[in-house]
Protein backbone atom coordinates (compact mmCIF):
# COMPACT_ATOMS: atom_id res chain seq x y z
CA UNK A 1 0.00 0.00 0.00
CA UNK A 2 1.06 3.57 -0.63
CA UNK A 3 -0.29 6.41 1.46
CA UNK A 4 -3.05 4.26 2.93
CA UNK A 5 -4.35 2.99 -0.41
CA UNK A 6 -4.37 -0.54 -1.77
CA UNK A 7 -2.35 -0.96 -4.95
CA UNK A 8 -2.39 -4.77 -5.17
CA UNK A 9 -3.69 -4.81 -8.75
CA UNK A 10 -1.23 -2.08 -9.72
CA UNK A 11 1.78 -3.88 -8.25
CA UNK A 12 0.71 -7.29 -9.53
CA UNK A 13 -0.12 -6.08 -13.04
CA UNK A 14 2.88 -7.95 -14.47
CA UNK A 15 2.48 -11.16 -12.46
CA UNK A 16 1.96 -13.19 -15.67
CA UNK A 17 5.24 -12.01 -17.22
CA UNK A 18 8.02 -14.60 -16.74
CA UNK A 19 10.90 -13.95 -14.35
CA UNK A 20 14.00 -12.53 -16.01
CA UNK A 21 12.30 -11.90 -19.34
CA UNK A 22 12.56 -8.10 -19.65
CA UNK A 23 15.49 -6.01 -20.89
CA UNK A 24 14.31 -2.85 -19.15
CA UNK A 25 11.88 -2.20 -16.31
CA UNK A 26 11.10 1.37 -15.24
CA UNK A 27 9.56 2.11 -11.85
CA UNK A 28 7.61 5.34 -11.51
CA UNK A 29 4.19 6.19 -10.14
CA UNK A 30 2.59 4.70 -7.04
CA UNK A 31 3.74 1.94 -4.65
CA UNK A 32 7.29 2.15 -5.96
CA UNK A 33 8.74 0.07 -3.15
CA UNK A 34 6.66 -2.97 -4.08
CA UNK A 35 7.01 -2.26 -7.80
CA UNK A 36 10.79 -2.23 -7.37
CA UNK A 37 10.61 -5.77 -6.01
CA UNK A 38 8.61 -6.82 -9.09
CA UNK A 39 11.06 -5.01 -11.38
CA UNK A 40 13.96 -7.01 -9.94
CA UNK A 41 12.02 -10.22 -10.60
CA UNK A 42 11.20 -9.25 -14.18
CA UNK A 43 14.55 -7.95 -15.45
CA UNK A 44 17.06 -10.18 -17.24
CA UNK A 45 19.70 -11.58 -14.87
CA UNK A 46 22.57 -10.34 -17.08
CA UNK A 47 22.47 -7.05 -18.96
CA UNK A 48 19.00 -6.04 -17.82
CA UNK A 49 18.25 -2.56 -16.54
CA UNK A 50 16.03 -1.39 -13.69
CA UNK A 51 15.23 2.33 -13.52
CA UNK A 52 13.86 3.98 -10.37
CA UNK A 53 12.65 7.55 -10.71
CA UNK A 54 12.96 9.89 -7.72
CA UNK A 55 15.38 7.39 -6.23
CA UNK A 56 16.74 9.64 -3.48
CA UNK A 57 13.46 9.87 -1.63
CA UNK A 58 14.03 8.55 1.86
CA UNK A 59 11.01 6.22 1.77
CA UNK A 60 12.58 4.20 -1.09
CA UNK A 61 15.92 3.54 0.60
CA UNK A 62 14.86 0.41 2.50
CA UNK A 63 13.40 -1.14 -0.66
CA UNK A 64 16.58 -0.37 -2.60
CA UNK A 65 18.65 -1.95 0.14
CA UNK A 66 16.37 -4.99 0.36
CA UNK A 67 15.60 -5.74 -3.28
CA UNK A 68 18.55 -4.57 -5.41
CA UNK A 69 21.45 -7.05 -5.37
CA UNK A 70 24.79 -5.55 -4.33
CA UNK A 71 26.42 -7.03 -7.44
CA UNK A 72 24.37 -4.89 -9.84
CA UNK A 73 26.06 -1.81 -11.34
CA UNK A 74 24.50 1.43 -10.13
CA UNK A 75 24.35 4.76 -11.97
CA UNK A 76 22.79 7.84 -10.39
CA UNK A 77 21.60 10.62 -12.66
CA UNK A 78 20.50 14.08 -11.55
CA UNK A 79 19.44 17.29 -13.18
CA UNK A 80 21.10 19.46 -10.54
CA UNK A 81 24.09 20.26 -12.73
CA UNK A 82 21.98 21.47 -15.63
CA UNK A 83 22.62 25.20 -15.88
CA UNK A 84 19.82 25.81 -18.40
CA UNK A 85 17.11 25.50 -15.74
CA UNK A 86 15.83 28.93 -14.91
CA UNK A 87 12.18 28.85 -13.85
CA UNK A 88 11.14 28.91 -10.21
CA UNK A 89 8.91 25.89 -10.73
CA UNK A 90 11.82 23.83 -12.06
CA UNK A 91 14.05 24.96 -9.21
CA UNK A 92 11.34 23.93 -6.72
CA UNK A 93 11.31 20.36 -8.02
CA UNK A 94 15.08 20.14 -8.03
CA UNK A 95 15.25 21.33 -4.44
CA UNK A 96 12.81 18.57 -3.49
CA UNK A 97 15.35 16.02 -4.83
CA UNK A 98 12.76 14.68 -7.25
CA UNK A 99 14.91 14.95 -10.34
CA UNK A 100 17.17 12.08 -9.41
CA UNK A 101 16.91 8.76 -11.22
CA UNK A 102 18.93 5.64 -10.58
CA UNK A 103 19.70 2.90 -13.10
CA UNK A 104 20.92 -0.55 -12.11
CA UNK A 105 22.43 -2.93 -14.65
CA UNK A 106 22.25 -6.61 -13.81
CA UNK A 107 25.31 -8.80 -14.06
PDB file of N, CA and C in Angstrom:
ATOM      1  N   UNK A   1       0.843  -1.196   0.000  1.00  0.00           N
ATOM      2  CA  UNK A   1       0.000   0.000   0.000  1.00  0.00           C
ATOM      3  C   UNK A   1       0.875   1.243   0.000  1.00  0.00           C
ATOM      4  N   UNK A   2       0.365   2.301  -0.574  1.00  0.00           N
ATOM      5  CA  UNK A   2       1.063   3.569  -0.635  1.00  0.00           C
ATOM      6  C   UNK A   2       0.114   4.652  -0.155  1.00  0.00           C
ATOM      7  N   UNK A   3       0.522   5.344   0.890  1.00  0.00           N
ATOM      8  CA  UNK A   3      -0.294   6.413   1.463  1.00  0.00           C
ATOM      9  C   UNK A   3      -1.695   5.940   1.832  1.00  0.00           C
ATOM     10  N   UNK A   4      -1.785   4.767   2.428  1.00  0.00           N
ATOM     11  CA  UNK A   4      -3.053   4.261   2.928  1.00  0.00           C
ATOM     12  C   UNK A   4      -3.964   3.655   1.880  1.00  0.00           C
ATOM     13  N   UNK A   5      -3.526   3.555   0.654  1.00  0.00           N
ATOM     14  CA  UNK A   5      -4.353   2.985  -0.411  1.00  0.00           C
ATOM     15  C   UNK A   5      -3.882   1.579  -0.732  1.00  0.00           C
ATOM     16  N   UNK A   6      -4.741   0.815  -1.362  1.00  0.00           N
ATOM     17  CA  UNK A   6      -4.369  -0.539  -1.773  1.00  0.00           C
ATOM     18  C   UNK A   6      -4.029  -0.524  -3.262  1.00  0.00           C
ATOM     19  N   UNK A   7      -2.818  -0.943  -3.564  1.00  0.00           N
ATOM     20  CA  UNK A   7      -2.347  -0.962  -4.946  1.00  0.00           C
ATOM     21  C   UNK A   7      -2.012  -2.381  -5.396  1.00  0.00           C
ATOM     22  N   UNK A   8      -2.695  -3.383  -4.833  1.00  0.00           N
ATOM     23  CA  UNK A   8      -2.388  -4.768  -5.171  1.00  0.00           C
ATOM     24  C   UNK A   8      -2.465  -5.022  -6.675  1.00  0.00           C
ATOM     25  N   UNK A   9      -3.540  -4.584  -7.313  1.00  0.00           N
ATOM     26  CA  UNK A   9      -3.687  -4.809  -8.753  1.00  0.00           C
ATOM     27  C   UNK A   9      -2.619  -4.063  -9.544  1.00  0.00           C
ATOM     28  N   UNK A  10      -2.259  -2.898  -9.086  1.00  0.00           N
ATOM     29  CA  UNK A  10      -1.233  -2.078  -9.725  1.00  0.00           C
ATOM     30  C   UNK A  10       0.122  -2.780  -9.652  1.00  0.00           C
ATOM     31  N   UNK A  11       0.492  -3.219  -8.460  1.00  0.00           N
ATOM     32  CA  UNK A  11       1.782  -3.877  -8.247  1.00  0.00           C
ATOM     33  C   UNK A  11       1.834  -5.221  -8.954  1.00  0.00           C
ATOM     34  N   UNK A  12       0.744  -5.946  -8.950  1.00  0.00           N
ATOM     35  CA  UNK A  12       0.706  -7.292  -9.527  1.00  0.00           C
ATOM     36  C   UNK A  12       0.290  -7.313 -10.990  1.00  0.00           C
ATOM     37  N   UNK A  13       0.298  -6.169 -11.640  1.00  0.00           N
ATOM     38  CA  UNK A  13      -0.121  -6.084 -13.038  1.00  0.00           C
ATOM     39  C   UNK A  13       0.747  -6.878 -13.999  1.00  0.00           C
ATOM     40  N   UNK A  14       1.969  -7.209 -13.600  1.00  0.00           N
ATOM     41  CA  UNK A  14       2.882  -7.952 -14.472  1.00  0.00           C
ATOM     42  C   UNK A  14       3.129  -9.367 -13.963  1.00  0.00           C
ATOM     43  N   UNK A  15       2.259  -9.859 -13.096  1.00  0.00           N
ATOM     44  CA  UNK A  15       2.483 -11.160 -12.465  1.00  0.00           C
ATOM     45  C   UNK A  15       2.570 -12.302 -13.489  1.00  0.00           C
ATOM     46  N   UNK A  16       1.941 -12.138 -14.649  1.00  0.00           N
ATOM     47  CA  UNK A  16       1.955 -13.192 -15.667  1.00  0.00           C
ATOM     48  C   UNK A  16       3.179 -13.119 -16.586  1.00  0.00           C
ATOM     49  N   UNK A  17       4.016 -12.122 -16.413  1.00  0.00           N
ATOM     50  CA  UNK A  17       5.236 -12.008 -17.216  1.00  0.00           C
ATOM     51  C   UNK A  17       6.320 -12.862 -16.547  1.00  0.00           C
ATOM     52  N   UNK A  18       7.014 -13.697 -17.316  1.00  0.00           N
ATOM     53  CA  UNK A  18       8.017 -14.599 -16.738  1.00  0.00           C
ATOM     54  C   UNK A  18       9.185 -13.868 -16.074  1.00  0.00           C
ATOM     55  N   UNK A  19       9.713 -14.464 -15.036  1.00  0.00           N
ATOM     56  CA  UNK A  19      10.901 -13.952 -14.351  1.00  0.00           C
ATOM     57  C   UNK A  19      12.043 -13.802 -15.341  1.00  0.00           C
ATOM     58  N   UNK A  20      12.804 -12.723 -15.213  1.00  0.00           N
ATOM     59  CA  UNK A  20      14.002 -12.534 -16.008  1.00  0.00           C
ATOM     60  C   UNK A  20      13.787 -12.361 -17.488  1.00  0.00           C
ATOM     61  N   UNK A  21      12.593 -11.950 -17.908  1.00  0.00           N
ATOM     62  CA  UNK A  21      12.301 -11.895 -19.341  1.00  0.00           C
ATOM     63  C   UNK A  21      12.374 -10.496 -19.950  1.00  0.00           C
ATOM     64  N   UNK A  22      12.596  -9.474 -19.143  1.00  0.00           N
ATOM     65  CA  UNK A  22      12.555  -8.099 -19.650  1.00  0.00           C
ATOM     66  C   UNK A  22      13.948  -7.472 -19.695  1.00  0.00           C
ATOM     67  N   UNK A  23      14.213  -6.731 -20.761  1.00  0.00           N
ATOM     68  CA  UNK A  23      15.489  -6.013 -20.887  1.00  0.00           C
ATOM     69  C   UNK A  23      15.525  -4.777 -19.993  1.00  0.00           C
ATOM     70  N   UNK A  24      14.390  -4.102 -19.882  1.00  0.00           N
ATOM     71  CA  UNK A  24      14.313  -2.849 -19.146  1.00  0.00           C
ATOM     72  C   UNK A  24      13.001  -2.794 -18.388  1.00  0.00           C
ATOM     73  N   UNK A  25      13.076  -2.423 -17.106  1.00  0.00           N
ATOM     74  CA  UNK A  25      11.879  -2.200 -16.308  1.00  0.00           C
ATOM     75  C   UNK A  25      12.045  -0.852 -15.620  1.00  0.00           C
ATOM     76  N   UNK A  26      11.077   0.036 -15.837  1.00  0.00           N
ATOM     77  CA  UNK A  26      11.100   1.368 -15.243  1.00  0.00           C
ATOM     78  C   UNK A  26      10.060   1.449 -14.136  1.00  0.00           C
ATOM     79  N   UNK A  27      10.460   1.980 -12.991  1.00  0.00           N
ATOM     80  CA  UNK A  27       9.561   2.112 -11.846  1.00  0.00           C
ATOM     81  C   UNK A  27       9.314   3.591 -11.597  1.00  0.00           C
ATOM     82  N   UNK A  28       8.051   3.970 -11.723  1.00  0.00           N
ATOM     83  CA  UNK A  28       7.614   5.338 -11.510  1.00  0.00           C
ATOM     84  C   UNK A  28       6.140   5.253 -11.136  1.00  0.00           C
ATOM     85  N   UNK A  29       5.613   6.232 -10.493  1.00  0.00           N
ATOM     86  CA  UNK A  29       4.194   6.193 -10.138  1.00  0.00           C
ATOM     87  C   UNK A  29       3.988   5.816  -8.682  1.00  0.00           C
ATOM     88  N   UNK A  30       2.966   5.051  -8.406  1.00  0.00           N
ATOM     89  CA  UNK A  30       2.588   4.698  -7.038  1.00  0.00           C
ATOM     90  C   UNK A  30       3.234   3.395  -6.586  1.00  0.00           C
ATOM     91  N   UNK A  31       3.270   3.193  -5.276  1.00  0.00           N
ATOM     92  CA  UNK A  31       3.738   1.945  -4.653  1.00  0.00           C
ATOM     93  C   UNK A  31       5.091   1.507  -5.194  1.00  0.00           C
ATOM     94  N   UNK A  32       5.999   2.436  -5.325  1.00  0.00           N
ATOM     95  CA  UNK A  32       7.292   2.151  -5.956  1.00  0.00           C
ATOM     96  C   UNK A  32       8.106   1.105  -5.212  1.00  0.00           C
ATOM     97  N   UNK A  33       7.965   1.056  -3.901  1.00  0.00           N
ATOM     98  CA  UNK A  33       8.744   0.072  -3.147  1.00  0.00           C
ATOM     99  C   UNK A  33       8.389  -1.344  -3.592  1.00  0.00           C
ATOM    100  N   UNK A  34       7.095  -1.643  -3.662  1.00  0.00           N
ATOM    101  CA  UNK A  34       6.660  -2.974  -4.084  1.00  0.00           C
ATOM    102  C   UNK A  34       6.883  -3.195  -5.579  1.00  0.00           C
ATOM    103  N   UNK A  35       6.745  -2.143  -6.359  1.00  0.00           N
ATOM    104  CA  UNK A  35       7.007  -2.255  -7.797  1.00  0.00           C
ATOM    105  C   UNK A  35       8.489  -2.507  -8.065  1.00  0.00           C
ATOM    106  N   UNK A  36       9.364  -1.975  -7.220  1.00  0.00           N
ATOM    107  CA  UNK A  36      10.793  -2.229  -7.370  1.00  0.00           C
ATOM    108  C   UNK A  36      11.091  -3.711  -7.181  1.00  0.00           C
ATOM    109  N   UNK A  37      10.439  -4.326  -6.224  1.00  0.00           N
ATOM    110  CA  UNK A  37      10.609  -5.773  -6.010  1.00  0.00           C
ATOM    111  C   UNK A  37      10.190  -6.546  -7.257  1.00  0.00           C
ATOM    112  N   UNK A  38       9.081  -6.169  -7.858  1.00  0.00           N
ATOM    113  CA  UNK A  38       8.612  -6.815  -9.090  1.00  0.00           C
ATOM    114  C   UNK A  38       9.577  -6.555 -10.239  1.00  0.00           C
ATOM    115  N   UNK A  39      10.114  -5.359 -10.314  1.00  0.00           N
ATOM    116  CA  UNK A  39      11.063  -5.014 -11.384  1.00  0.00           C
ATOM    117  C   UNK A  39      12.289  -5.910 -11.316  1.00  0.00           C
ATOM    118  N   UNK A  40      12.785  -6.143 -10.122  1.00  0.00           N
ATOM    119  CA  UNK A  40      13.958  -7.008  -9.944  1.00  0.00           C
ATOM    120  C   UNK A  40      13.638  -8.422 -10.420  1.00  0.00           C
ATOM    121  N   UNK A  41      12.438  -8.887 -10.161  1.00  0.00           N
ATOM    122  CA  UNK A  41      12.025 -10.223 -10.601  1.00  0.00           C
ATOM    123  C   UNK A  41      11.944 -10.300 -12.122  1.00  0.00           C
ATOM    124  N   UNK A  42      11.476  -9.232 -12.750  1.00  0.00           N
ATOM    125  CA  UNK A  42      11.203  -9.249 -14.181  1.00  0.00           C
ATOM    126  C   UNK A  42      12.426  -9.059 -15.068  1.00  0.00           C
ATOM    127  N   UNK A  43      13.421  -8.333 -14.586  1.00  0.00           N
ATOM    128  CA  UNK A  43      14.548  -7.950 -15.446  1.00  0.00           C
ATOM    129  C   UNK A  43      15.500  -9.134 -15.691  1.00  0.00           C
ATOM    130  N   UNK A  44      16.099  -9.126 -16.873  1.00  0.00           N
ATOM    131  CA  UNK A  44      17.062 -10.177 -17.239  1.00  0.00           C
ATOM    132  C   UNK A  44      18.194 -10.245 -16.216  1.00  0.00           C
ATOM    133  N   UNK A  45      18.656 -11.445 -15.892  1.00  0.00           N
ATOM    134  CA  UNK A  45      19.697 -11.581 -14.870  1.00  0.00           C
ATOM    135  C   UNK A  45      21.072 -11.067 -15.304  1.00  0.00           C
ATOM    136  N   UNK A  46      21.292 -10.888 -16.595  1.00  0.00           N
ATOM    137  CA  UNK A  46      22.570 -10.341 -17.077  1.00  0.00           C
ATOM    138  C   UNK A  46      22.274  -9.331 -18.175  1.00  0.00           C
ATOM    139  N   UNK A  47      22.670  -8.091 -17.961  1.00  0.00           N
ATOM    140  CA  UNK A  47      22.474  -7.054 -18.959  1.00  0.00           C
ATOM    141  C   UNK A  47      21.125  -6.375 -18.927  1.00  0.00           C
ATOM    142  N   UNK A  48      20.284  -6.712 -17.971  1.00  0.00           N
ATOM    143  CA  UNK A  48      18.999  -6.042 -17.820  1.00  0.00           C
ATOM    144  C   UNK A  48      19.173  -4.729 -17.074  1.00  0.00           C
ATOM    145  N   UNK A  49      18.180  -3.859 -17.192  1.00  0.00           N
ATOM    146  CA  UNK A  49      18.252  -2.556 -16.544  1.00  0.00           C
ATOM    147  C   UNK A  49      16.973  -2.296 -15.756  1.00  0.00           C
ATOM    148  N   UNK A  50      17.138  -1.853 -14.515  1.00  0.00           N
ATOM    149  CA  UNK A  50      16.028  -1.391 -13.688  1.00  0.00           C
ATOM    150  C   UNK A  50      16.236   0.098 -13.468  1.00  0.00           C
ATOM    151  N   UNK A  51      15.186   0.884 -13.694  1.00  0.00           N
ATOM    152  CA  UNK A  51      15.233   2.328 -13.522  1.00  0.00           C
ATOM    153  C   UNK A  51      14.258   2.704 -12.407  1.00  0.00           C
ATOM    154  N   UNK A  52      14.722   3.486 -11.449  1.00  0.00           N
ATOM    155  CA  UNK A  52      13.857   3.985 -10.371  1.00  0.00           C
ATOM    156  C   UNK A  52      13.889   5.500 -10.384  1.00  0.00           C
ATOM    157  N   UNK A  53      12.742   6.098 -10.700  1.00  0.00           N
ATOM    158  CA  UNK A  53      12.654   7.548 -10.712  1.00  0.00           C
ATOM    159  C   UNK A  53      12.507   8.061  -9.286  1.00  0.00           C
ATOM    160  N   UNK A  54      13.014   9.258  -9.047  1.00  0.00           N
ATOM    161  CA  UNK A  54      12.964   9.888  -7.723  1.00  0.00           C
ATOM    162  C   UNK A  54      13.629   9.021  -6.672  1.00  0.00           C
ATOM    163  N   UNK A  55      14.734   8.420  -7.035  1.00  0.00           N
ATOM    164  CA  UNK A  55      15.384   7.392  -6.226  1.00  0.00           C
ATOM    165  C   UNK A  55      15.978   7.874  -4.913  1.00  0.00           C
ATOM    166  N   UNK A  56      16.155   9.163  -4.730  1.00  0.00           N
ATOM    167  CA  UNK A  56      16.744   9.644  -3.480  1.00  0.00           C
ATOM    168  C   UNK A  56      15.720   9.888  -2.380  1.00  0.00           C
ATOM    169  N   UNK A  57      14.463   9.701  -2.678  1.00  0.00           N
ATOM    170  CA  UNK A  57      13.459   9.868  -1.625  1.00  0.00           C
ATOM    171  C   UNK A  57      13.719   8.866  -0.511  1.00  0.00           C
ATOM    172  N   UNK A  58      13.675   9.369   0.707  1.00  0.00           N
ATOM    173  CA  UNK A  58      14.028   8.549   1.862  1.00  0.00           C
ATOM    174  C   UNK A  58      13.175   7.280   1.966  1.00  0.00           C
ATOM    175  N   UNK A  59      11.897   7.373   1.620  1.00  0.00           N
ATOM    176  CA  UNK A  59      11.011   6.216   1.775  1.00  0.00           C
ATOM    177  C   UNK A  59      11.363   5.046   0.843  1.00  0.00           C
ATOM    178  N   UNK A  60      12.197   5.280  -0.173  1.00  0.00           N
ATOM    179  CA  UNK A  60      12.583   4.201  -1.086  1.00  0.00           C
ATOM    180  C   UNK A  60      13.872   3.497  -0.669  1.00  0.00           C
ATOM    181  N   UNK A  61      14.586   4.053   0.272  1.00  0.00           N
ATOM    182  CA  UNK A  61      15.915   3.542   0.596  1.00  0.00           C
ATOM    183  C   UNK A  61      15.905   2.112   1.144  1.00  0.00           C
ATOM    184  N   UNK A  62      14.936   1.783   1.982  1.00  0.00           N
ATOM    185  CA  UNK A  62      14.861   0.408   2.503  1.00  0.00           C
ATOM    186  C   UNK A  62      14.590  -0.597   1.392  1.00  0.00           C
ATOM    187  N   UNK A  63      13.714  -0.244   0.458  1.00  0.00           N
ATOM    188  CA  UNK A  63      13.405  -1.138  -0.661  1.00  0.00           C
ATOM    189  C   UNK A  63      14.625  -1.327  -1.556  1.00  0.00           C
ATOM    190  N   UNK A  64      15.356  -0.268  -1.801  1.00  0.00           N
ATOM    191  CA  UNK A  64      16.582  -0.369  -2.601  1.00  0.00           C
ATOM    192  C   UNK A  64      17.551  -1.321  -1.919  1.00  0.00           C
ATOM    193  N   UNK A  65      17.742  -1.113  -0.636  1.00  0.00           N
ATOM    194  CA  UNK A  65      18.654  -1.951   0.142  1.00  0.00           C
ATOM    195  C   UNK A  65      18.208  -3.414   0.138  1.00  0.00           C
ATOM    196  N   UNK A  66      16.907  -3.640   0.257  1.00  0.00           N
ATOM    197  CA  UNK A  66      16.372  -4.994   0.361  1.00  0.00           C
ATOM    198  C   UNK A  66      16.301  -5.734  -0.969  1.00  0.00           C
ATOM    199  N   UNK A  67      15.917  -5.046  -2.033  1.00  0.00           N
ATOM    200  CA  UNK A  67      15.596  -5.736  -3.284  1.00  0.00           C
ATOM    201  C   UNK A  67      16.675  -5.694  -4.361  1.00  0.00           C
ATOM    202  N   UNK A  68      17.535  -4.680  -4.361  1.00  0.00           N
ATOM    203  CA  UNK A  68      18.548  -4.566  -5.412  1.00  0.00           C
ATOM    204  C   UNK A  68      19.811  -5.312  -4.978  1.00  0.00           C
ATOM    205  N   UNK A  69      20.228  -6.317  -5.730  1.00  0.00           N
ATOM    206  CA  UNK A  69      21.455  -7.049  -5.369  1.00  0.00           C
ATOM    207  C   UNK A  69      22.682  -6.135  -5.378  1.00  0.00           C
ATOM    208  N   UNK A  70      23.569  -6.355  -4.439  1.00  0.00           N
ATOM    209  CA  UNK A  70      24.793  -5.550  -4.332  1.00  0.00           C
ATOM    210  C   UNK A  70      25.694  -5.694  -5.550  1.00  0.00           C
ATOM    211  N   UNK A  71      25.548  -6.779  -6.290  1.00  0.00           N
ATOM    212  CA  UNK A  71      26.417  -7.031  -7.440  1.00  0.00           C
ATOM    213  C   UNK A  71      26.010  -6.233  -8.681  1.00  0.00           C
ATOM    214  N   UNK A  72      24.822  -5.648  -8.676  1.00  0.00           N
ATOM    215  CA  UNK A  72      24.375  -4.885  -9.837  1.00  0.00           C
ATOM    216  C   UNK A  72      25.120  -3.553  -9.910  1.00  0.00           C
ATOM    217  N   UNK A  73      25.413  -3.110 -11.128  1.00  0.00           N
ATOM    218  CA  UNK A  73      26.062  -1.814 -11.337  1.00  0.00           C
ATOM    219  C   UNK A  73      25.032  -0.706 -11.148  1.00  0.00           C
ATOM    220  N   UNK A  74      25.424   0.335 -10.432  1.00  0.00           N
ATOM    221  CA  UNK A  74      24.504   1.432 -10.130  1.00  0.00           C
ATOM    222  C   UNK A  74      24.989   2.712 -10.797  1.00  0.00           C
ATOM    223  N   UNK A  75      24.048   3.453 -11.394  1.00  0.00           N
ATOM    224  CA  UNK A  75      24.354   4.755 -11.968  1.00  0.00           C
ATOM    225  C   UNK A  75      23.284   5.735 -11.508  1.00  0.00           C
ATOM    226  N   UNK A  76      23.707   6.802 -10.848  1.00  0.00           N
ATOM    227  CA  UNK A  76      22.788   7.839 -10.395  1.00  0.00           C
ATOM    228  C   UNK A  76      22.841   9.009 -11.358  1.00  0.00           C
ATOM    229  N   UNK A  77      21.690   9.480 -11.753  1.00  0.00           N
ATOM    230  CA  UNK A  77      21.602  10.624 -12.657  1.00  0.00           C
ATOM    231  C   UNK A  77      20.789  11.717 -11.978  1.00  0.00           C
ATOM    232  N   UNK A  78      21.207  12.952 -12.145  1.00  0.00           N
ATOM    233  CA  UNK A  78      20.502  14.079 -11.551  1.00  0.00           C
ATOM    234  C   UNK A  78      20.510  15.255 -12.500  1.00  0.00           C
ATOM    235  N   UNK A  79      19.536  16.102 -12.350  1.00  0.00           N
ATOM    236  CA  UNK A  79      19.442  17.293 -13.181  1.00  0.00           C
ATOM    237  C   UNK A  79      20.052  18.505 -12.492  1.00  0.00           C
ATOM    238  N   UNK A  80      20.590  18.333 -11.313  1.00  0.00           N
ATOM    239  CA  UNK A  80      21.100  19.463 -10.538  1.00  0.00           C
ATOM    240  C   UNK A  80      22.220  20.227 -11.238  1.00  0.00           C
ATOM    241  N   UNK A  81      22.978  19.582 -12.075  1.00  0.00           N
ATOM    242  CA  UNK A  81      24.095  20.257 -12.733  1.00  0.00           C
ATOM    243  C   UNK A  81      23.691  20.947 -14.030  1.00  0.00           C
ATOM    244  N   UNK A  82      22.442  20.853 -14.399  1.00  0.00           N
ATOM    245  CA  UNK A  82      21.977  21.471 -15.635  1.00  0.00           C
ATOM    246  C   UNK A  82      21.817  22.973 -15.421  1.00  0.00           C
ATOM    247  N   UNK A  83      22.640  23.749 -16.083  1.00  0.00           N
ATOM    248  CA  UNK A  83      22.618  25.198 -15.884  1.00  0.00           C
ATOM    249  C   UNK A  83      21.557  25.893 -16.722  1.00  0.00           C
ATOM    250  N   UNK A  84      20.841  25.173 -17.567  1.00  0.00           N
ATOM    251  CA  UNK A  84      19.816  25.806 -18.399  1.00  0.00           C
ATOM    252  C   UNK A  84      18.493  25.967 -17.663  1.00  0.00           C
ATOM    253  N   UNK A  85      18.366  25.405 -16.484  1.00  0.00           N
ATOM    254  CA  UNK A  85      17.107  25.501 -15.742  1.00  0.00           C
ATOM    255  C   UNK A  85      17.017  26.882 -15.103  1.00  0.00           C
ATOM    256  N   UNK A  86      15.935  27.557 -15.400  1.00  0.00           N
ATOM    257  CA  UNK A  86      15.831  28.928 -14.915  1.00  0.00           C
ATOM    258  C   UNK A  86      14.515  29.226 -14.208  1.00  0.00           C
ATOM    259  N   UNK A  87      13.462  28.472 -14.435  1.00  0.00           N
ATOM    260  CA  UNK A  87      12.181  28.846 -13.852  1.00  0.00           C
ATOM    261  C   UNK A  87      12.106  28.462 -12.378  1.00  0.00           C
ATOM    262  N   UNK A  88      11.316  29.203 -11.639  1.00  0.00           N
ATOM    263  CA  UNK A  88      11.144  28.910 -10.210  1.00  0.00           C
ATOM    264  C   UNK A  88      10.503  27.543  -9.998  1.00  0.00           C
ATOM    265  N   UNK A  89       9.577  27.188 -10.861  1.00  0.00           N
ATOM    266  CA  UNK A  89       8.908  25.892 -10.732  1.00  0.00           C
ATOM    267  C   UNK A  89       9.918  24.756 -10.892  1.00  0.00           C
ATOM    268  N   UNK A  90      10.795  24.852 -11.870  1.00  0.00           N
ATOM    269  CA  UNK A  90      11.818  23.826 -12.057  1.00  0.00           C
ATOM    270  C   UNK A  90      12.772  23.778 -10.871  1.00  0.00           C
ATOM    271  N   UNK A  91      13.166  24.932 -10.369  1.00  0.00           N
ATOM    272  CA  UNK A  91      14.051  24.960  -9.210  1.00  0.00           C
ATOM    273  C   UNK A  91      13.386  24.338  -7.990  1.00  0.00           C
ATOM    274  N   UNK A  92      12.084  24.531  -7.832  1.00  0.00           N
ATOM    275  CA  UNK A  92      11.341  23.928  -6.721  1.00  0.00           C
ATOM    276  C   UNK A  92      11.466  22.406  -6.755  1.00  0.00           C
ATOM    277  N   UNK A  93      11.250  21.819  -7.918  1.00  0.00           N
ATOM    278  CA  UNK A  93      11.312  20.361  -8.018  1.00  0.00           C
ATOM    279  C   UNK A  93      12.722  19.850  -7.800  1.00  0.00           C
ATOM    280  N   UNK A  94      13.701  20.554  -8.261  1.00  0.00           N
ATOM    281  CA  UNK A  94      15.085  20.144  -8.035  1.00  0.00           C
ATOM    282  C   UNK A  94      15.399  20.173  -6.544  1.00  0.00           C
ATOM    283  N   UNK A  95      14.991  21.216  -5.871  1.00  0.00           N
ATOM    284  CA  UNK A  95      15.253  21.329  -4.440  1.00  0.00           C
ATOM    285  C   UNK A  95      14.577  20.222  -3.651  1.00  0.00           C
ATOM    286  N   UNK A  96      13.494  19.671  -4.164  1.00  0.00           N
ATOM    287  CA  UNK A  96      12.805  18.571  -3.494  1.00  0.00           C
ATOM    288  C   UNK A  96      13.502  17.234  -3.755  1.00  0.00           C
ATOM    289  N   UNK A  97      14.596  17.237  -4.489  1.00  0.00           N
ATOM    290  CA  UNK A  97      15.347  16.021  -4.828  1.00  0.00           C
ATOM    291  C   UNK A  97      14.572  15.061  -5.715  1.00  0.00           C
ATOM    292  N   UNK A  98      13.579  15.547  -6.417  1.00  0.00           N
ATOM    293  CA  UNK A  98      12.762  14.677  -7.254  1.00  0.00           C
ATOM    294  C   UNK A  98      13.374  14.391  -8.617  1.00  0.00           C
ATOM    295  N   UNK A  99      14.355  15.142  -9.013  1.00  0.00           N
ATOM    296  CA  UNK A  99      14.909  14.952 -10.343  1.00  0.00           C
ATOM    297  C   UNK A  99      16.159  14.085 -10.308  1.00  0.00           C
ATOM    298  N   UNK A 100      16.114  13.083  -9.463  1.00  0.00           N
ATOM    299  CA  UNK A 100      17.166  12.075  -9.405  1.00  0.00           C
ATOM    300  C   UNK A 100      16.576  10.761  -9.909  1.00  0.00           C
ATOM    301  N   UNK A 101      17.312  10.069 -10.729  1.00  0.00           N
ATOM    302  CA  UNK A 101      16.909   8.764 -11.219  1.00  0.00           C
ATOM    303  C   UNK A 101      18.105   7.836 -11.093  1.00  0.00           C
ATOM    304  N   UNK A 102      17.856   6.610 -10.672  1.00  0.00           N
ATOM    305  CA  UNK A 102      18.932   5.638 -10.579  1.00  0.00           C
ATOM    306  C   UNK A 102      18.664   4.496 -11.540  1.00  0.00           C
ATOM    307  N   UNK A 103      19.738   4.050 -12.202  1.00  0.00           N
ATOM    308  CA  UNK A 103      19.701   2.902 -13.104  1.00  0.00           C
ATOM    309  C   UNK A 103      20.575   1.817 -12.502  1.00  0.00           C
ATOM    310  N   UNK A 104      20.084   0.594 -12.493  1.00  0.00           N
ATOM    311  CA  UNK A 104      20.916  -0.548 -12.108  1.00  0.00           C
ATOM    312  C   UNK A 104      21.013  -1.469 -13.306  1.00  0.00           C
ATOM    313  N   UNK A 105      22.206  -1.973 -13.559  1.00  0.00           N
ATOM    314  CA  UNK A 105      22.427  -2.925 -14.650  1.00  0.00           C
ATOM    315  C   UNK A 105      22.782  -4.265 -14.015  1.00  0.00           C
ATOM    316  N   UNK A 106      22.029  -5.280 -14.387  1.00  0.00           N
ATOM    317  CA  UNK A 106      22.253  -6.611 -13.808  1.00  0.00           C
ATOM    318  C   UNK A 106      23.512  -7.218 -14.370  1.00  0.00           C
ATOM    319  N   UNK A 107      24.132  -8.069 -13.584  1.00  0.00           N
ATOM    320  CA  UNK A 107      25.310  -8.798 -14.063  1.00  0.00           C
ATOM    321  C   UNK A 107      25.519 -10.048 -13.239  1.00  0.00           C
TER     322      UNK A 107
END
